């Protein structure tokens, strides 16, 4: 896949994540329905932290997110354990927008490059080029978009694209 197409997919996927966030109110952002381990706010924050962690680690660079984001939204964290101030949905929206711009600037012209730290998910799944790592982050973000939709449906939201 060429760079233009990969970054176009990243932009579209991020646009859909922001649209889902725009259709989420603070009133339901922290509700955890039965059968779920997290909430809407956690999923939006996790998307941000995961992409930042994967791409910057892959490139051997330091991310630029506040430490509190990793503490709140990293893999293995739970909103049930939050005991600190959490970002508003508007703050997460701004972070999603700015991150996309930062990632494009960081990744442009390097899609075929092998990273300092390949992304190893298992012995069978190792992503060696930046393009492969971005492809994985696109997939991961899409999975969490599905989680966001499922959470909303479990919370009784009828129209996934209207603010509730």
N, C-alpha and C. Protein backbone atom coordinates (compact mmCIF):
# COMPACT_ATOMS: atom_id res chain seq x y z
N UNK A 1 0.85 -1.17 0.00
CA UNK A 1 0.00 0.00 0.00
C UNK A 1 0.90 1.24 0.00
N UNK A 2 0.54 2.22 -0.78
CA UNK A 2 1.37 3.41 -0.84
C UNK A 2 1.05 4.37 0.31
N UNK A 3 1.95 5.32 0.51
CA UNK A 3 1.82 6.25 1.63
C UNK A 3 0.54 7.07 1.56
N UNK A 4 0.22 7.56 0.40
CA UNK A 4 -0.97 8.40 0.25
C UNK A 4 -2.23 7.66 0.70
N UNK A 5 -2.37 6.42 0.26
CA UNK A 5 -3.55 5.63 0.62
C UNK A 5 -3.58 5.31 2.11
N UNK A 6 -2.43 4.96 2.68
CA UNK A 6 -2.38 4.61 4.10
C UNK A 6 -2.74 5.82 4.97
N UNK A 7 -2.21 6.98 4.64
CA UNK A 7 -2.52 8.18 5.42
C UNK A 7 -3.96 8.64 5.18
N UNK A 8 -4.47 8.37 3.98
CA UNK A 8 -5.88 8.69 3.70
C UNK A 8 -6.79 7.82 4.57
N UNK A 9 -6.45 6.55 4.71
CA UNK A 9 -7.22 5.67 5.59
C UNK A 9 -7.13 6.15 7.03
N UNK A 10 -5.93 6.54 7.46
CA UNK A 10 -5.75 7.03 8.84
C UNK A 10 -6.65 8.25 9.07
N UNK A 11 -6.68 9.14 8.09
CA UNK A 11 -7.50 10.35 8.22
C UNK A 11 -8.98 10.00 8.30
N UNK A 12 -9.44 9.08 7.43
CA UNK A 12 -10.85 8.70 7.43
C UNK A 12 -11.23 8.03 8.75
N UNK A 13 -10.40 7.12 9.22
CA UNK A 13 -10.68 6.42 10.48
C UNK A 13 -10.72 7.41 11.64
N UNK A 14 -9.78 8.34 11.65
CA UNK A 14 -9.77 9.33 12.73
C UNK A 14 -10.99 10.24 12.63
N UNK A 15 -11.37 10.61 11.42
CA UNK A 15 -12.58 11.42 11.22
C UNK A 15 -13.80 10.72 11.81
N UNK A 16 -13.90 9.41 11.60
CA UNK A 16 -15.04 8.65 12.14
C UNK A 16 -14.98 8.56 13.67
N UNK A 17 -13.79 8.46 14.22
CA UNK A 17 -13.65 8.45 15.69
C UNK A 17 -14.11 9.78 16.26
N UNK A 18 -13.70 10.87 15.63
CA UNK A 18 -14.10 12.20 16.11
C UNK A 18 -15.61 12.39 15.95
N UNK A 19 -16.18 11.87 14.86
CA UNK A 19 -17.63 11.96 14.67
C UNK A 19 -18.35 11.19 15.78
N UNK A 20 -17.82 10.03 16.17
CA UNK A 20 -18.42 9.26 17.26
C UNK A 20 -18.30 10.02 18.58
N UNK A 21 -17.17 10.67 18.79
CA UNK A 21 -17.00 11.47 20.01
C UNK A 21 -17.96 12.65 20.01
N UNK A 22 -18.11 13.30 18.86
CA UNK A 22 -19.03 14.44 18.77
C UNK A 22 -20.47 14.03 19.07
N UNK A 23 -20.78 12.78 18.86
CA UNK A 23 -22.12 12.27 19.12
C UNK A 23 -22.21 11.62 20.51
N UNK A 24 -21.30 11.99 21.39
CA UNK A 24 -21.27 11.47 22.75
C UNK A 24 -21.34 12.63 23.72
N UNK A 25 -22.19 12.51 24.71
CA UNK A 25 -22.29 13.58 25.71
C UNK A 25 -21.56 13.16 26.98
N UNK A 26 -21.18 14.17 27.74
CA UNK A 26 -20.55 13.92 29.04
C UNK A 26 -21.48 13.10 29.93
N UNK A 27 -22.80 13.23 29.71
CA UNK A 27 -23.78 12.54 30.56
C UNK A 27 -23.66 11.02 30.48
N UNK A 28 -23.22 10.49 29.35
CA UNK A 28 -23.11 9.03 29.22
C UNK A 28 -21.67 8.54 29.09
N UNK A 29 -20.71 9.45 29.02
CA UNK A 29 -19.32 9.11 28.72
C UNK A 29 -18.69 8.17 29.74
N UNK A 30 -19.16 8.20 30.97
CA UNK A 30 -18.53 7.39 32.02
C UNK A 30 -19.36 6.21 32.50
N UNK A 31 -20.50 5.99 31.87
CA UNK A 31 -21.34 4.85 32.24
C UNK A 31 -20.72 3.55 31.70
N UNK A 32 -20.72 2.54 32.55
CA UNK A 32 -20.22 1.22 32.15
C UNK A 32 -21.40 0.25 32.20
N UNK A 33 -21.92 -0.14 31.03
CA UNK A 33 -23.06 -1.05 31.03
C UNK A 33 -22.66 -2.45 31.52
N UNK A 34 -23.65 -3.21 31.97
CA UNK A 34 -23.40 -4.59 32.37
C UNK A 34 -22.75 -5.35 31.23
N UNK A 35 -21.75 -6.14 31.57
CA UNK A 35 -21.06 -6.95 30.57
C UNK A 35 -19.86 -6.26 29.94
N UNK A 36 -19.62 -5.00 30.30
CA UNK A 36 -18.49 -4.25 29.74
C UNK A 36 -17.50 -3.93 30.84
N UNK A 37 -16.23 -3.77 30.46
CA UNK A 37 -15.18 -3.45 31.42
C UNK A 37 -14.78 -1.98 31.43
N UNK A 38 -15.25 -1.24 30.43
CA UNK A 38 -14.84 0.16 30.36
C UNK A 38 -15.97 1.01 29.81
N UNK A 39 -15.68 2.28 29.57
CA UNK A 39 -16.71 3.20 29.15
C UNK A 39 -16.30 3.92 27.85
N UNK A 40 -17.14 4.83 27.42
CA UNK A 40 -16.88 5.55 26.17
C UNK A 40 -15.63 6.41 26.29
N UNK A 41 -15.50 7.16 27.38
CA UNK A 41 -14.34 8.03 27.56
C UNK A 41 -13.04 7.21 27.49
N UNK A 42 -13.03 6.05 28.16
CA UNK A 42 -11.83 5.21 28.15
C UNK A 42 -11.48 4.80 26.72
N UNK A 43 -12.46 4.42 25.93
CA UNK A 43 -12.18 4.00 24.55
C UNK A 43 -11.58 5.13 23.71
N UNK A 44 -12.13 6.34 23.84
CA UNK A 44 -11.56 7.47 23.09
C UNK A 44 -10.12 7.73 23.54
N UNK A 45 -9.90 7.73 24.85
CA UNK A 45 -8.55 7.95 25.36
C UNK A 45 -7.60 6.84 24.99
N UNK A 46 -8.09 5.61 24.99
CA UNK A 46 -7.25 4.46 24.63
C UNK A 46 -6.80 4.53 23.17
N UNK A 47 -7.67 4.98 22.30
CA UNK A 47 -7.29 5.16 20.89
C UNK A 47 -6.10 6.11 20.79
N UNK A 48 -6.17 7.21 21.51
CA UNK A 48 -5.10 8.21 21.49
C UNK A 48 -3.79 7.60 22.02
N UNK A 49 -3.86 6.99 23.18
CA UNK A 49 -2.66 6.45 23.82
C UNK A 49 -2.05 5.32 23.00
N UNK A 50 -2.87 4.46 22.46
CA UNK A 50 -2.35 3.33 21.69
C UNK A 50 -1.60 3.78 20.45
N UNK A 51 -2.20 4.70 19.70
CA UNK A 51 -1.51 5.16 18.49
C UNK A 51 -0.20 5.85 18.86
N UNK A 52 -0.25 6.69 19.87
CA UNK A 52 0.97 7.40 20.31
C UNK A 52 2.04 6.41 20.73
N UNK A 53 1.67 5.45 21.57
CA UNK A 53 2.64 4.46 22.05
C UNK A 53 3.26 3.67 20.91
N UNK A 54 2.43 3.17 20.02
CA UNK A 54 2.91 2.30 18.95
C UNK A 54 3.81 3.05 17.98
N UNK A 55 3.35 4.19 17.48
CA UNK A 55 4.12 4.89 16.45
C UNK A 55 5.40 5.49 17.03
N UNK A 56 5.33 6.14 18.19
CA UNK A 56 6.55 6.75 18.72
C UNK A 56 7.55 5.68 19.18
N UNK A 57 7.08 4.61 19.77
CA UNK A 57 7.99 3.51 20.16
C UNK A 57 8.65 2.93 18.92
N UNK A 58 7.85 2.69 17.89
CA UNK A 58 8.35 2.12 16.64
C UNK A 58 9.48 2.98 16.08
N UNK A 59 9.29 4.30 16.13
CA UNK A 59 10.27 5.23 15.57
C UNK A 59 11.41 5.56 16.54
N UNK A 60 11.31 5.05 17.76
CA UNK A 60 12.35 5.34 18.75
C UNK A 60 12.29 6.77 19.25
N UNK A 61 11.10 7.33 19.28
CA UNK A 61 10.92 8.71 19.72
C UNK A 61 10.06 8.74 20.98
N UNK A 62 10.09 9.88 21.65
CA UNK A 62 9.27 10.07 22.84
C UNK A 62 7.93 10.66 22.43
N UNK A 63 6.86 10.13 22.98
CA UNK A 63 5.53 10.66 22.71
C UNK A 63 5.34 12.00 23.38
N UNK A 64 4.26 12.68 23.02
CA UNK A 64 4.04 14.01 23.59
C UNK A 64 2.73 14.11 24.38
N UNK A 65 2.18 12.99 24.77
CA UNK A 65 0.96 13.02 25.58
C UNK A 65 1.30 13.23 27.05
N UNK A 66 0.38 13.83 27.79
CA UNK A 66 0.60 13.94 29.24
C UNK A 66 0.70 12.54 29.86
N UNK A 67 1.52 12.39 30.88
CA UNK A 67 1.66 11.10 31.56
C UNK A 67 0.31 10.59 32.05
N UNK A 68 -0.57 11.51 32.45
CA UNK A 68 -1.87 11.10 32.98
C UNK A 68 -2.67 10.31 31.94
N UNK A 69 -2.49 10.58 30.66
CA UNK A 69 -3.22 9.84 29.62
C UNK A 69 -2.82 8.37 29.65
N UNK A 70 -1.54 8.10 29.78
CA UNK A 70 -1.10 6.70 29.85
C UNK A 70 -1.64 6.02 31.12
N UNK A 71 -1.63 6.76 32.22
CA UNK A 71 -2.12 6.21 33.48
C UNK A 71 -3.61 5.88 33.40
N UNK A 72 -4.35 6.66 32.66
CA UNK A 72 -5.80 6.47 32.55
C UNK A 72 -6.20 5.49 31.45
N UNK A 73 -5.50 5.53 30.31
CA UNK A 73 -6.01 4.88 29.11
C UNK A 73 -5.13 3.78 28.52
N UNK A 74 -4.00 3.48 29.13
CA UNK A 74 -3.13 2.44 28.59
C UNK A 74 -3.83 1.08 28.64
N UNK A 75 -3.34 0.15 27.86
CA UNK A 75 -3.85 -1.22 27.91
C UNK A 75 -3.74 -1.73 29.34
N UNK A 76 -4.79 -2.38 29.80
CA UNK A 76 -4.79 -2.93 31.15
C UNK A 76 -5.33 -1.98 32.21
N UNK A 77 -5.61 -0.74 31.82
CA UNK A 77 -6.19 0.20 32.79
C UNK A 77 -7.71 0.08 32.77
N UNK A 78 -8.32 0.63 33.79
CA UNK A 78 -9.77 0.57 33.88
C UNK A 78 -10.31 1.85 34.50
N UNK A 79 -11.42 2.35 33.97
CA UNK A 79 -12.03 3.52 34.59
C UNK A 79 -12.50 3.24 36.03
N UNK A 80 -12.66 1.99 36.36
CA UNK A 80 -13.05 1.64 37.73
C UNK A 80 -11.95 1.99 38.73
N UNK A 81 -10.72 2.15 38.23
CA UNK A 81 -9.58 2.46 39.09
C UNK A 81 -9.18 3.94 39.05
N UNK A 82 -9.91 4.75 38.31
CA UNK A 82 -9.54 6.17 38.18
C UNK A 82 -9.69 6.87 39.52
N UNK A 83 -8.64 7.56 39.92
CA UNK A 83 -8.69 8.37 41.13
C UNK A 83 -7.96 9.69 40.90
N UNK A 84 -8.05 10.18 39.69
CA UNK A 84 -7.45 11.45 39.33
C UNK A 84 -8.37 12.18 38.36
N UNK A 85 -8.05 13.42 38.09
CA UNK A 85 -8.85 14.19 37.15
C UNK A 85 -8.78 13.55 35.77
N UNK A 86 -9.93 13.47 35.12
CA UNK A 86 -9.98 12.87 33.79
C UNK A 86 -10.25 13.96 32.75
N UNK A 87 -9.73 13.76 31.54
CA UNK A 87 -9.96 14.77 30.50
C UNK A 87 -11.43 14.81 30.09
N UNK A 88 -11.88 15.99 29.73
CA UNK A 88 -13.23 16.14 29.20
C UNK A 88 -13.27 15.56 27.79
N UNK A 89 -14.47 15.36 27.28
CA UNK A 89 -14.59 14.90 25.90
C UNK A 89 -14.00 15.93 24.94
N UNK A 90 -14.17 17.19 25.23
CA UNK A 90 -13.58 18.24 24.37
C UNK A 90 -12.06 18.15 24.37
N UNK A 91 -11.46 17.90 25.52
CA UNK A 91 -10.01 17.74 25.58
C UNK A 91 -9.55 16.52 24.78
N UNK A 92 -10.32 15.44 24.85
CA UNK A 92 -9.98 14.25 24.07
C UNK A 92 -10.14 14.53 22.58
N UNK A 93 -11.15 15.31 22.22
CA UNK A 93 -11.36 15.66 20.81
C UNK A 93 -10.16 16.43 20.27
N UNK A 94 -9.72 17.42 21.02
CA UNK A 94 -8.55 18.21 20.61
C UNK A 94 -7.32 17.30 20.48
N UNK A 95 -7.15 16.39 21.44
CA UNK A 95 -6.01 15.47 21.38
C UNK A 95 -6.08 14.58 20.15
N UNK A 96 -7.27 14.11 19.80
CA UNK A 96 -7.44 13.29 18.59
C UNK A 96 -7.06 14.07 17.33
N UNK A 97 -7.51 15.31 17.25
CA UNK A 97 -7.20 16.13 16.08
C UNK A 97 -5.71 16.43 15.99
N UNK A 98 -5.14 16.89 17.08
CA UNK A 98 -3.72 17.26 17.08
C UNK A 98 -2.83 16.04 16.84
N UNK A 99 -3.23 14.91 17.38
CA UNK A 99 -2.42 13.71 17.20
C UNK A 99 -2.37 13.32 15.73
N UNK A 100 -3.49 13.38 15.05
CA UNK A 100 -3.49 13.04 13.63
C UNK A 100 -2.48 13.91 12.88
N UNK A 101 -2.53 15.20 13.12
CA UNK A 101 -1.60 16.13 12.44
C UNK A 101 -0.16 15.79 12.78
N UNK A 102 0.12 15.50 14.06
CA UNK A 102 1.47 15.15 14.50
C UNK A 102 1.94 13.85 13.86
N UNK A 103 1.06 12.87 13.81
CA UNK A 103 1.44 11.57 13.26
C UNK A 103 1.75 11.68 11.76
N UNK A 104 0.96 12.45 11.03
CA UNK A 104 1.22 12.64 9.61
C UNK A 104 2.59 13.30 9.42
N UNK A 105 2.89 14.33 10.20
CA UNK A 105 4.18 15.01 10.11
C UNK A 105 5.32 14.06 10.47
N UNK A 106 5.09 13.23 11.49
CA UNK A 106 6.12 12.31 11.96
C UNK A 106 6.36 11.16 10.98
N UNK A 107 5.32 10.74 10.27
CA UNK A 107 5.39 9.54 9.45
C UNK A 107 5.62 9.80 7.96
N UNK A 108 5.31 10.98 7.50
CA UNK A 108 5.40 11.27 6.06
C UNK A 108 6.82 11.02 5.55
N UNK A 109 6.87 10.32 4.43
CA UNK A 109 8.13 10.00 3.79
C UNK A 109 8.88 8.84 4.41
N UNK A 110 8.28 8.18 5.40
CA UNK A 110 8.97 7.10 6.12
C UNK A 110 8.20 5.78 6.11
N UNK A 111 7.14 5.72 5.37
CA UNK A 111 6.23 4.56 5.44
C UNK A 111 6.95 3.24 5.19
N UNK A 112 7.91 3.22 4.29
CA UNK A 112 8.62 1.98 3.97
C UNK A 112 9.79 1.71 4.91
N UNK A 113 10.09 2.66 5.79
CA UNK A 113 11.24 2.51 6.69
C UNK A 113 10.99 1.43 7.74
N UNK A 114 12.05 0.72 8.06
CA UNK A 114 11.99 -0.22 9.18
C UNK A 114 12.22 0.58 10.46
N UNK A 115 11.49 0.22 11.49
CA UNK A 115 11.56 0.97 12.74
C UNK A 115 12.70 0.55 13.63
N UNK A 116 13.04 1.43 14.55
CA UNK A 116 14.04 1.10 15.56
C UNK A 116 13.55 -0.02 16.45
N UNK A 117 12.24 -0.04 16.67
CA UNK A 117 11.61 -1.04 17.54
C UNK A 117 10.43 -1.65 16.80
N UNK A 118 10.64 -2.75 16.07
CA UNK A 118 9.50 -3.35 15.37
C UNK A 118 8.36 -3.67 16.32
N UNK A 119 7.16 -3.66 15.79
CA UNK A 119 5.97 -3.96 16.57
C UNK A 119 5.76 -5.47 16.55
N UNK A 120 5.99 -6.11 17.68
CA UNK A 120 5.88 -7.56 17.78
C UNK A 120 4.67 -7.89 18.63
N UNK A 121 3.65 -8.49 18.01
CA UNK A 121 2.45 -8.89 18.74
C UNK A 121 2.54 -10.33 19.20
N UNK A 122 3.25 -11.15 18.43
CA UNK A 122 3.49 -12.54 18.77
C UNK A 122 4.58 -13.05 17.83
N UNK A 123 4.95 -14.30 17.98
CA UNK A 123 5.98 -14.84 17.09
C UNK A 123 5.52 -14.86 15.63
N UNK A 124 4.22 -14.85 15.41
CA UNK A 124 3.69 -14.87 14.05
C UNK A 124 3.40 -13.49 13.50
N UNK A 125 3.28 -12.50 14.36
CA UNK A 125 2.88 -11.17 13.92
C UNK A 125 3.89 -10.12 14.34
N UNK A 126 4.76 -9.81 13.41
CA UNK A 126 5.77 -8.78 13.63
C UNK A 126 5.67 -7.78 12.48
N UNK A 127 5.48 -6.52 12.83
CA UNK A 127 5.38 -5.47 11.83
C UNK A 127 6.72 -4.72 11.81
N UNK A 128 7.41 -4.80 10.68
CA UNK A 128 8.77 -4.27 10.60
C UNK A 128 8.83 -2.87 10.00
N UNK A 129 7.88 -2.52 9.14
CA UNK A 129 7.92 -1.19 8.54
C UNK A 129 6.91 -0.27 9.21
N UNK A 130 7.17 1.02 9.09
CA UNK A 130 6.26 2.00 9.67
C UNK A 130 4.87 1.85 9.06
N UNK A 131 4.80 1.59 7.77
CA UNK A 131 3.51 1.39 7.12
C UNK A 131 2.73 0.24 7.74
N UNK A 132 3.43 -0.85 8.06
CA UNK A 132 2.76 -1.99 8.71
C UNK A 132 2.25 -1.59 10.10
N UNK A 133 3.05 -0.83 10.83
CA UNK A 133 2.63 -0.39 12.17
C UNK A 133 1.43 0.54 12.08
N UNK A 134 1.42 1.45 11.11
CA UNK A 134 0.28 2.34 10.92
C UNK A 134 -0.95 1.53 10.54
N UNK A 135 -0.78 0.55 9.67
CA UNK A 135 -1.91 -0.33 9.32
C UNK A 135 -2.51 -0.98 10.55
N UNK A 136 -1.64 -1.41 11.47
CA UNK A 136 -2.15 -2.01 12.70
C UNK A 136 -2.89 -0.97 13.55
N UNK A 137 -2.35 0.25 13.67
CA UNK A 137 -3.05 1.25 14.49
C UNK A 137 -4.39 1.62 13.86
N UNK A 138 -4.46 1.62 12.52
CA UNK A 138 -5.75 1.86 11.86
C UNK A 138 -6.75 0.77 12.21
N UNK A 139 -6.30 -0.48 12.15
CA UNK A 139 -7.16 -1.61 12.52
C UNK A 139 -7.60 -1.47 13.98
N UNK A 140 -6.66 -1.19 14.86
CA UNK A 140 -6.95 -1.08 16.29
C UNK A 140 -7.97 0.01 16.57
N UNK A 141 -7.81 1.16 15.93
CA UNK A 141 -8.76 2.25 16.14
C UNK A 141 -10.15 1.85 15.66
N UNK A 142 -10.21 1.13 14.55
CA UNK A 142 -11.50 0.67 14.02
C UNK A 142 -12.18 -0.32 14.98
N UNK A 143 -11.39 -1.18 15.59
CA UNK A 143 -11.94 -2.11 16.58
C UNK A 143 -12.59 -1.32 17.72
N UNK A 144 -11.91 -0.28 18.18
CA UNK A 144 -12.46 0.50 19.29
C UNK A 144 -13.66 1.35 18.85
N UNK A 145 -13.74 1.69 17.57
CA UNK A 145 -14.96 2.33 17.09
C UNK A 145 -16.14 1.37 17.24
N UNK A 146 -15.91 0.10 16.95
CA UNK A 146 -16.96 -0.90 17.15
C UNK A 146 -17.33 -1.03 18.62
N UNK A 147 -16.31 -0.98 19.49
CA UNK A 147 -16.59 -1.02 20.94
C UNK A 147 -17.42 0.18 21.37
N UNK A 148 -17.10 1.34 20.83
CA UNK A 148 -17.85 2.56 21.16
C UNK A 148 -19.31 2.41 20.73
N UNK A 149 -19.53 1.90 19.54
CA UNK A 149 -20.91 1.68 19.07
C UNK A 149 -21.63 0.67 19.96
N UNK A 150 -20.95 -0.39 20.34
CA UNK A 150 -21.56 -1.41 21.21
C UNK A 150 -21.92 -0.84 22.57
N UNK A 151 -21.01 -0.04 23.13
CA UNK A 151 -21.29 0.60 24.41
C UNK A 151 -22.52 1.50 24.31
N UNK A 152 -22.58 2.28 23.26
CA UNK A 152 -23.73 3.18 23.10
C UNK A 152 -25.03 2.40 22.99
N UNK A 153 -25.02 1.34 22.21
CA UNK A 153 -26.23 0.52 22.07
C UNK A 153 -26.62 -0.09 23.41
N UNK A 154 -25.63 -0.56 24.18
CA UNK A 154 -25.92 -1.14 25.49
C UNK A 154 -26.44 -0.09 26.47
N UNK A 155 -26.10 1.17 26.23
CA UNK A 155 -26.59 2.26 27.07
C UNK A 155 -27.95 2.78 26.61
N UNK A 156 -28.50 2.16 25.56
CA UNK A 156 -29.82 2.53 25.08
C UNK A 156 -29.84 3.64 24.05
N UNK A 157 -28.70 3.98 23.50
CA UNK A 157 -28.64 5.02 22.48
C UNK A 157 -29.26 4.47 21.19
N UNK A 158 -30.21 5.19 20.65
CA UNK A 158 -30.91 4.74 19.44
C UNK A 158 -30.21 5.22 18.18
N UNK A 159 -29.73 6.46 18.18
CA UNK A 159 -29.06 7.03 17.02
C UNK A 159 -27.60 7.26 17.39
N UNK A 160 -26.71 6.42 16.84
CA UNK A 160 -25.30 6.47 17.21
C UNK A 160 -24.61 7.77 16.82
N UNK A 161 -25.22 8.53 15.94
CA UNK A 161 -24.57 9.74 15.41
C UNK A 161 -25.22 11.02 15.86
N UNK A 162 -26.14 10.94 16.81
CA UNK A 162 -26.76 12.13 17.40
C UNK A 162 -26.33 12.22 18.86
N UNK A 163 -26.05 13.41 19.34
CA UNK A 163 -25.60 13.57 20.72
C UNK A 163 -26.69 13.11 21.67
N UNK A 164 -26.31 12.29 22.62
CA UNK A 164 -27.25 11.73 23.60
C UNK A 164 -27.08 12.42 24.93
